[in-house]
C-alpha atoms as a PDB file:
ATOM      1  CA  MET A   1     -10.665 -17.341 -21.013  1.00  0.00           C
ATOM      2  CA  GLU A   2      -6.925 -17.195 -20.341  1.00  0.00           C
ATOM      3  CA  GLU A   3      -6.270 -20.443 -22.213  1.00  0.00           C
ATOM      4  CA  LYS A   4      -8.306 -19.254 -25.225  1.00  0.00           C
ATOM      5  CA  ILE A   5      -6.300 -16.020 -25.296  1.00  0.00           C
ATOM      6  CA  LYS A   6      -3.020 -17.925 -25.204  1.00  0.00           C
ATOM      7  CA  GLN A   7      -4.170 -20.172 -28.061  1.00  0.00           C
ATOM      8  CA  SER A   8      -5.135 -17.156 -30.189  1.00  0.00           C
ATOM      9  CA  LEU A   9      -1.799 -15.488 -29.469  1.00  0.00           C
ATOM     10  CA  LYS A  10      -0.046 -18.651 -30.696  1.00  0.00           C
ATOM     11  CA  LYS A  11      -1.694 -18.073 -34.083  1.00  0.00           C
ATOM     12  CA  ILE A  12      -0.560 -14.425 -34.178  1.00  0.00           C
ATOM     13  CA  ARG A  13       2.978 -15.067 -32.929  1.00  0.00           C
ATOM     14  CA  PRO A  14       4.478 -16.247 -36.290  1.00  0.00           C
ATOM     15  CA  ILE A  15       3.391 -12.977 -37.943  1.00  0.00           C
ATOM     16  CA  LEU A  16       5.274 -10.990 -35.316  1.00  0.00           C
ATOM     17  CA  GLN A  17       8.267 -13.310 -35.191  1.00  0.00           C
ATOM     18  CA  ARG A  18       8.987 -13.063 -38.895  1.00  0.00           C
ATOM     19  CA  ASP A  19       9.714  -9.364 -38.289  1.00  0.00           C
ATOM     20  CA  GLY A  20      11.797 -10.003 -35.165  1.00  0.00           C
ATOM     21  CA  GLY A  21       9.052  -9.395 -32.606  1.00  0.00           C
ATOM     22  CA  ASP A  22       6.822 -11.359 -30.277  1.00  0.00           C
ATOM     23  CA  VAL A  23       3.924 -10.992 -27.859  1.00  0.00           C
ATOM     24  CA  GLU A  24       3.581 -12.228 -24.286  1.00  0.00           C
ATOM     25  CA  PHE A  25       0.266 -12.641 -22.446  1.00  0.00           C
ATOM     26  CA  ILE A  26       0.335 -10.886 -19.065  1.00  0.00           C
ATOM     27  CA  ARG A  27      -3.231 -10.995 -17.727  1.00  0.00           C
ATOM     28  CA  GLU A  28      -6.932 -10.609 -18.449  1.00  0.00           C
ATOM     29  CA  ASN A  29      -9.238  -8.567 -16.231  1.00  0.00           C
ATOM     30  CA  GLU A  30     -12.918  -8.045 -17.047  1.00  0.00           C
ATOM     31  CA  GLY A  31     -12.345  -8.380 -20.786  1.00  0.00           C
ATOM     32  CA  VAL A  32      -9.233  -6.204 -20.913  1.00  0.00           C
ATOM     33  CA  VAL A  33      -6.232  -8.221 -22.061  1.00  0.00           C
ATOM     34  CA  SER A  34      -2.757  -6.990 -21.153  1.00  0.00           C
ATOM     35  CA  VAL A  35       0.162  -8.098 -23.296  1.00  0.00           C
ATOM     36  CA  LYS A  36       3.821  -7.221 -23.599  1.00  0.00           C
ATOM     37  CA  LEU A  37       5.229  -6.603 -27.065  1.00  0.00           C
ATOM     38  CA  LYS A  38       8.772  -7.943 -27.252  1.00  0.00           C
ATOM     39  CA  GLY A  39      11.754  -7.785 -29.564  1.00  0.00           C
ATOM     40  CA  ALA A  40      11.346  -5.554 -32.601  1.00  0.00           C
ATOM     41  CA  CYS A  41       7.667  -5.022 -31.705  1.00  0.00           C
ATOM     42  CA  GLY A  42       8.624  -3.462 -28.388  1.00  0.00           C
ATOM     43  CA  ASN A  43      10.008  -0.266 -29.913  1.00  0.00           C
ATOM     44  CA  CYS A  44       8.538  -0.290 -33.409  1.00  0.00           C
ATOM     45  CA  PRO A  45       6.719   2.871 -34.557  1.00  0.00           C
ATOM     46  CA  GLY A  46       3.918   0.636 -35.861  1.00  0.00           C
ATOM     47  CA  ALA A  47       3.483  -1.235 -32.565  1.00  0.00           C
ATOM     48  CA  LYS A  48       0.205   0.495 -31.721  1.00  0.00           C
ATOM     49  CA  MET A  49      -1.250  -0.445 -35.110  1.00  0.00           C
ATOM     50  CA  THR A  50      -0.066  -4.045 -34.664  1.00  0.00           C
ATOM     51  CA  LEU A  51      -1.628  -4.123 -31.214  1.00  0.00           C
ATOM     52  CA  LYS A  52      -5.026  -2.837 -32.345  1.00  0.00           C
ATOM     53  CA  MET A  53      -5.316  -4.081 -35.942  1.00  0.00           C
ATOM     54  CA  VAL A  54      -3.775  -7.535 -35.518  1.00  0.00           C
ATOM     55  CA  ILE A  55      -3.804  -8.647 -31.889  1.00  0.00           C
ATOM     56  CA  GLU A  56      -6.950  -6.930 -30.601  1.00  0.00           C
ATOM     57  CA  LYS A  57      -8.949  -7.629 -33.754  1.00  0.00           C
ATOM     58  CA  THR A  58      -8.023 -11.329 -33.688  1.00  0.00           C
ATOM     59  CA  LEU A  59      -8.809 -11.771 -30.001  1.00  0.00           C
ATOM     60  CA  LYS A  60     -12.146  -9.957 -30.287  1.00  0.00           C
ATOM     61  CA  ASN A  61     -13.143 -12.074 -33.293  1.00  0.00           C
ATOM     62  CA  GLU A  62     -12.155 -15.374 -31.692  1.00  0.00           C
ATOM     63  CA  ILE A  63     -13.094 -14.905 -28.015  1.00  0.00           C
ATOM     64  CA  ASP A  64     -16.375 -13.640 -26.609  1.00  0.00           C
ATOM     65  CA  GLY A  65     -15.826 -11.172 -23.798  1.00  0.00           C
ATOM     66  CA  VAL A  66     -12.596  -9.562 -24.993  1.00  0.00           C
ATOM     67  CA  LYS A  67     -13.219  -5.810 -24.970  1.00  0.00           C
ATOM     68  CA  GLU A  68      -9.764  -4.356 -25.412  1.00  0.00           C
ATOM     69  CA  VAL A  69      -6.071  -5.249 -25.638  1.00  0.00           C
ATOM     70  CA  LYS A  70      -3.474  -3.061 -23.976  1.00  0.00           C
ATOM     71  CA  ALA A  71       0.311  -3.167 -24.088  1.00  0.00           C
ATOM     72  CA  ILE A  72       2.172  -2.814 -20.824  1.00  0.00           C
END
């Protein structure tokens, strides 16, 4: 599952990078994916929306077993 998550994040990364941000995969545990939002995404007021509406939605749609995405 980890490799599938990393591949999906590669697709999302350009969206974040064009606004000065990025995302780093940290770990997956029982369907809960932990990521670190970096750059402009790390302190952006819309970071929670980006996390849930872009990252979590994409991972859930592309990978069976992903239940939630959390930022650490």
